[in-house]
């Protein structure tokens, strides 16, 4: 028997969609897609139409659609008559998606979208325990908003290009800048003491862009480190759109060596929440 379940994540800036096809006990992921639109309903129908068309799916092929995200409340009725559509919790979706992508049984899962959420997820037999730990308003929205105001740039591609020529030495105050003596023998003196605490009048747009990306990454990374340590874990799974931005990814690579926490960015990390939404089928 063939069964197809779709997941849709209606975010603040984009809608993502994915599918799972299950046949004879084998579950296959249908490649995720992303659609941007000016309002949630337009993006939902646009994503659904594009996904089904490109994957040759008819309405009769789809058993259920599971929606999550801040914009899912706008879909207060089934997308099409006779199609089983349900809304599932976003934090549950984040946790399930993170464990699925990383193939771990327990981890701190970080969803880095417009803002950031931290989840503790643990498989317990056939059940998965999900706990929302909190979050921060620092995220992709911060990166784009500050870049627009400070640099006049608001596309990820342009921000990444600017970062490549940046020098954090003209932006951030490091521990070594305020302590010539080795007062903290167990602490790497290259760590940031204050983001933008050393902002130079000579700082270029590239320096500032890199400083913004670094601040966003370090803020999220430190929250993840604290969360992982509180559960005695050394694995953090990163998901969401920020995982695709190179200057942010490099922040986590640096933090691994300093704090002994492994930051995992699995394949399809950008689609962690929507994949988890589709996997909520197992919990219904």
Protein backbone atom coordinates (compact mmCIF):
# COMPACT_ATOMS: atom_id res chain seq x y z
CA UNK A 1 0.00 0.00 0.00
CA UNK A 2 1.33 3.43 -1.00
CA UNK A 3 0.92 6.43 1.30
CA UNK A 4 1.96 10.05 0.68
CA UNK A 5 2.08 12.73 3.37
CA UNK A 6 3.02 16.36 2.72
CA UNK A 7 4.44 18.83 5.22
CA UNK A 8 4.13 22.60 4.80
CA UNK A 9 5.96 25.17 6.93
CA UNK A 10 4.49 28.65 6.55
CA UNK A 11 7.20 30.98 7.83
CA UNK A 12 7.55 34.71 8.17
CA UNK A 13 9.34 35.15 4.83
CA UNK A 14 8.87 31.90 2.90
CA UNK A 15 6.83 28.71 2.71
CA UNK A 16 8.54 25.33 2.51
CA UNK A 17 7.00 22.06 1.43
CA UNK A 18 8.18 18.45 1.50
CA UNK A 19 6.70 14.99 1.09
CA UNK A 20 7.19 11.46 2.33
CA UNK A 21 6.12 8.50 0.25
CA UNK A 22 5.73 5.27 2.20
CA UNK A 23 5.33 1.92 0.50
CA UNK A 24 5.80 -1.57 1.93
CA UNK A 25 7.25 -0.12 5.13
CA UNK A 26 9.88 1.98 3.34
CA UNK A 27 9.65 5.76 3.67
CA UNK A 28 11.20 7.94 0.95
CA UNK A 29 11.76 11.68 1.17
CA UNK A 30 10.49 13.76 -1.75
CA UNK A 31 12.88 16.65 -2.33
CA UNK A 32 11.83 19.81 -0.43
CA UNK A 33 10.99 23.08 -2.12
CA UNK A 34 10.69 26.70 -1.02
CA UNK A 35 8.36 29.42 -2.31
CA UNK A 36 8.39 33.12 -1.43
CA UNK A 37 5.28 35.30 -1.66
CA UNK A 38 3.84 38.46 -0.20
CA UNK A 39 1.21 36.76 1.96
CA UNK A 40 0.82 33.33 3.62
CA UNK A 41 -2.15 32.03 1.63
CA UNK A 42 -0.55 32.89 -1.70
CA UNK A 43 2.65 31.12 -0.68
CA UNK A 44 0.79 28.06 0.64
CA UNK A 45 -1.15 27.53 -2.59
CA UNK A 46 1.89 28.42 -4.67
CA UNK A 47 4.07 25.90 -2.84
CA UNK A 48 1.40 23.20 -2.99
CA UNK A 49 0.75 23.70 -6.70
CA UNK A 50 4.42 23.78 -7.66
CA UNK A 51 5.30 20.76 -5.53
CA UNK A 52 2.48 18.53 -6.76
CA UNK A 53 3.00 19.55 -10.39
CA UNK A 54 6.75 18.91 -10.40
CA UNK A 55 6.40 15.57 -8.60
CA UNK A 56 3.44 14.35 -10.65
CA UNK A 57 1.10 14.14 -7.65
CA UNK A 58 -2.67 14.31 -8.00
CA UNK A 59 -4.91 15.24 -5.08
CA UNK A 60 -6.00 11.61 -4.88
CA UNK A 61 -2.37 10.57 -4.35
CA UNK A 62 -2.08 12.60 -1.13
CA UNK A 63 -3.27 11.05 2.12
CA UNK A 64 -2.69 14.03 4.41
CA UNK A 65 -1.19 17.53 4.57
CA UNK A 66 0.38 18.64 7.85
CA UNK A 67 1.03 22.37 8.26
CA UNK A 68 3.07 24.29 10.80
CA UNK A 69 4.70 27.70 11.23
CA UNK A 70 3.49 31.18 12.10
CA UNK A 71 1.41 31.51 8.95
CA UNK A 72 -0.37 28.15 9.17
CA UNK A 73 -3.24 29.74 11.12
CA UNK A 74 -4.28 31.51 7.91
CA UNK A 75 -5.19 28.11 6.45
CA UNK A 76 -8.31 27.70 8.58
CA UNK A 77 -9.91 25.25 6.16
CA UNK A 78 -8.68 22.38 3.95
CA UNK A 79 -6.69 23.47 0.91
CA UNK A 80 -9.03 21.49 -1.30
CA UNK A 81 -12.32 19.74 -0.57
CA UNK A 82 -11.77 16.22 0.63
CA UNK A 83 -8.07 16.72 1.38
CA UNK A 84 -7.15 15.92 4.99
CA UNK A 85 -5.27 19.00 6.29
CA UNK A 86 -4.12 19.46 9.88
CA UNK A 87 -2.01 21.94 11.82
CA UNK A 88 0.81 20.47 13.93
CA UNK A 89 2.96 22.15 16.63
CA UNK A 90 6.00 23.95 15.29
CA UNK A 91 8.33 23.02 18.15
CA UNK A 92 7.43 19.35 17.78
CA UNK A 93 8.22 19.66 14.08
CA UNK A 94 11.60 21.24 14.84
CA UNK A 95 12.56 18.41 17.19
CA UNK A 96 11.41 15.58 14.94
CA UNK A 97 13.07 17.11 11.90
CA UNK A 98 16.38 17.62 13.72
CA UNK A 99 16.58 14.02 14.93
CA UNK A 100 15.56 12.65 11.53
CA UNK A 101 18.18 14.67 9.64
CA UNK A 102 20.99 13.97 12.11
CA UNK A 103 20.05 10.33 12.79
CA UNK A 104 20.55 10.99 16.52
CA UNK A 105 18.40 9.71 19.36
CA UNK A 106 18.88 12.82 21.49
CA UNK A 107 20.07 16.34 20.76
CA UNK A 108 19.55 20.02 21.18
CA UNK A 109 17.91 21.14 17.94
CA UNK A 110 18.22 24.80 16.98
CA UNK A 111 15.84 26.30 14.44
CA UNK A 112 17.46 29.41 12.95
CA UNK A 113 14.88 31.30 10.96
CA UNK A 114 13.76 34.90 11.26
CA UNK A 115 14.28 34.34 14.99
CA UNK A 116 15.71 31.34 16.81
CA UNK A 117 14.17 28.50 18.86
CA UNK A 118 15.96 25.83 20.90
CA UNK A 119 14.45 22.38 21.42
CA UNK A 120 15.50 19.32 23.40
CA UNK A 121 14.45 16.20 21.52
CA UNK A 122 14.88 12.61 22.70
CA UNK A 123 13.62 9.33 21.31
CA UNK A 124 12.12 7.13 23.97
CA UNK A 125 11.18 3.88 22.27
CA UNK A 126 8.33 4.54 19.84
CA UNK A 127 7.75 7.93 21.45
CA UNK A 128 9.77 11.12 20.98
CA UNK A 129 9.88 13.61 23.84
CA UNK A 130 10.06 17.23 22.70
CA UNK A 131 10.67 20.19 25.00
CA UNK A 132 10.83 23.83 24.00
CA UNK A 133 13.71 25.42 25.91
CA UNK A 134 13.31 29.00 24.80
CA UNK A 135 14.77 31.16 22.09
CA UNK A 136 16.01 34.54 21.03
CA UNK A 137 14.88 37.27 18.67
CA UNK A 138 18.37 37.16 17.15
CA UNK A 139 18.24 35.35 13.82
CA UNK A 140 17.97 35.86 10.10
CA UNK A 141 15.70 38.85 10.59
CA UNK A 142 18.43 40.51 12.66
CA UNK A 143 21.04 39.85 10.00
CA UNK A 144 18.92 41.31 7.21
CA UNK A 145 17.44 44.18 9.23
CA UNK A 146 20.77 45.48 10.54
CA UNK A 147 22.43 45.04 7.15
CA UNK A 148 19.67 47.03 5.49
CA UNK A 149 19.89 49.88 7.99
CA UNK A 150 23.67 50.01 8.37
CA UNK A 151 24.82 48.99 4.89
CA UNK A 152 21.90 49.52 2.53
CA UNK A 153 22.03 45.83 1.61
CA UNK A 154 19.21 43.37 2.30
CA UNK A 155 19.82 40.29 0.17
CA UNK A 156 21.65 37.27 1.56
CA UNK A 157 23.83 36.99 -1.54
CA UNK A 158 25.10 40.57 -1.18
CA UNK A 159 25.62 40.20 2.57
CA UNK A 160 27.71 37.07 2.02
CA UNK A 161 29.80 38.82 -0.65
CA UNK A 162 30.49 41.74 1.67
CA UNK A 163 31.50 39.43 4.53
CA UNK A 164 34.24 37.80 2.46
CA UNK A 165 36.45 40.86 2.69
CA UNK A 166 35.67 41.68 6.33
CA UNK A 167 38.03 42.03 9.29
CA UNK A 168 36.57 41.38 12.75
CA UNK A 169 39.61 43.07 14.28
CA UNK A 170 38.02 46.39 13.33
CA UNK A 171 34.66 45.48 14.87
CA UNK A 172 34.77 43.16 17.88
CA UNK A 173 36.59 43.57 21.17
CA UNK A 174 38.44 40.34 21.97
CA UNK A 175 39.60 39.16 25.37
CA UNK A 176 43.21 39.71 24.29
CA UNK A 177 42.39 43.37 23.61
CA UNK A 178 41.55 44.02 27.27
CA UNK A 179 43.87 41.59 29.04
CA UNK A 180 47.54 41.58 28.13
CA UNK A 181 48.30 39.15 30.95
CA UNK A 182 47.03 35.60 30.98
CA UNK A 183 44.34 36.22 33.62
CA UNK A 184 42.07 33.53 32.18
CA UNK A 185 44.29 30.49 31.50
CA UNK A 186 41.37 28.22 30.59
CA UNK A 187 39.82 30.68 28.14
CA UNK A 188 40.84 31.29 24.53
CA UNK A 189 41.87 34.95 24.39
CA UNK A 190 40.59 35.15 20.82
CA UNK A 191 37.00 34.87 22.08
CA UNK A 192 34.75 37.89 21.74
CA UNK A 193 34.44 40.06 24.83
CA UNK A 194 32.04 42.51 23.17
CA UNK A 195 30.41 42.39 19.74
CA UNK A 196 30.95 45.75 18.05
CA UNK A 197 32.88 46.83 21.16
CA UNK A 198 35.88 47.85 19.06
CA UNK A 199 34.08 49.42 16.12
CA UNK A 200 36.64 51.49 14.25
CA UNK A 201 35.96 54.70 12.33
CA UNK A 202 37.93 53.04 9.56
CA UNK A 203 35.70 49.96 9.46
CA UNK A 204 34.49 49.18 5.93
CA UNK A 205 31.10 47.88 4.91
CA UNK A 206 32.69 44.43 4.63
CA UNK A 207 33.95 44.65 8.20
CA UNK A 208 30.52 45.68 9.46
CA UNK A 209 28.72 42.96 7.49
CA UNK A 210 31.03 40.33 8.94
CA UNK A 211 30.53 41.80 12.41
CA UNK A 212 26.75 41.49 12.10
CA UNK A 213 26.94 37.88 10.87
CA UNK A 214 29.41 37.02 13.61
CA UNK A 215 27.21 38.56 16.32
CA UNK A 216 24.17 36.62 15.14
CA UNK A 217 26.10 33.33 14.99
CA UNK A 218 27.84 33.79 18.35
CA UNK A 219 24.61 34.71 20.15
CA UNK A 220 22.81 31.63 18.85
CA UNK A 221 25.85 29.43 19.38
CA UNK A 222 26.34 30.37 23.02
CA UNK A 223 22.67 29.75 23.82
CA UNK A 224 23.03 26.33 22.19
CA UNK A 225 26.16 25.59 24.22
CA UNK A 226 24.38 26.43 27.48
CA UNK A 227 21.39 24.28 26.49
CA UNK A 228 23.57 21.30 25.52
CA UNK A 229 25.55 21.46 28.74
CA UNK A 230 22.38 21.57 30.82
CA UNK A 231 21.43 18.17 29.36
CA UNK A 232 25.02 16.83 29.41
CA UNK A 233 25.05 16.58 25.62
CA UNK A 234 27.81 17.34 23.16
CA UNK A 235 25.68 17.43 20.00
CA UNK A 236 23.70 20.38 18.66
CA UNK A 237 21.75 20.06 15.42
CA UNK A 238 21.42 23.30 13.47
CA UNK A 239 18.46 23.79 11.13
CA UNK A 240 16.85 26.68 9.29
CA UNK A 241 17.86 29.15 6.60
CA UNK A 242 20.88 30.55 8.44
CA UNK A 243 22.63 27.18 8.05
CA UNK A 244 23.17 28.03 4.38
CA UNK A 245 25.00 31.31 5.06
CA UNK A 246 28.76 30.74 5.02
CA UNK A 247 29.94 33.49 7.43
CA UNK A 248 27.44 32.22 10.00
CA UNK A 249 28.45 28.59 9.48
CA UNK A 250 32.09 29.50 10.10
CA UNK A 251 31.18 30.92 13.52
CA UNK A 252 29.99 27.49 14.65
CA UNK A 253 33.12 25.82 13.29
CA UNK A 254 35.20 28.13 15.49
CA UNK A 255 33.01 27.59 18.54
CA UNK A 256 33.39 23.80 18.33
CA UNK A 257 37.06 23.98 19.25
CA UNK A 258 36.48 26.44 22.08
CA UNK A 259 33.54 24.79 23.84
CA UNK A 260 33.70 21.08 23.00
CA UNK A 261 30.24 21.05 21.46
CA UNK A 262 29.74 19.55 18.00
CA UNK A 263 27.48 21.65 15.79
CA UNK A 264 25.93 19.45 13.12
CA UNK A 265 24.53 20.93 9.91
CA UNK A 266 22.99 17.94 8.13
CA UNK A 267 21.90 17.75 4.51
CA UNK A 268 18.58 19.57 4.00
CA UNK A 269 19.13 21.46 7.28
CA UNK A 270 17.19 24.41 5.84
CA UNK A 271 14.11 22.19 5.71
CA UNK A 272 14.31 20.67 9.19
CA UNK A 273 11.00 22.07 10.45
CA UNK A 274 8.93 21.18 7.41
CA UNK A 275 10.38 17.65 7.35
CA UNK A 276 9.44 17.34 11.02
CA UNK A 277 5.93 18.55 10.25
CA UNK A 278 5.45 15.68 7.79
CA UNK A 279 6.88 13.26 10.38
CA UNK A 280 4.20 14.36 12.85
CA UNK A 281 2.06 11.83 10.98
CA UNK A 282 3.60 9.21 13.27
CA UNK A 283 2.28 11.01 16.35
CA UNK A 284 -1.35 11.41 15.21
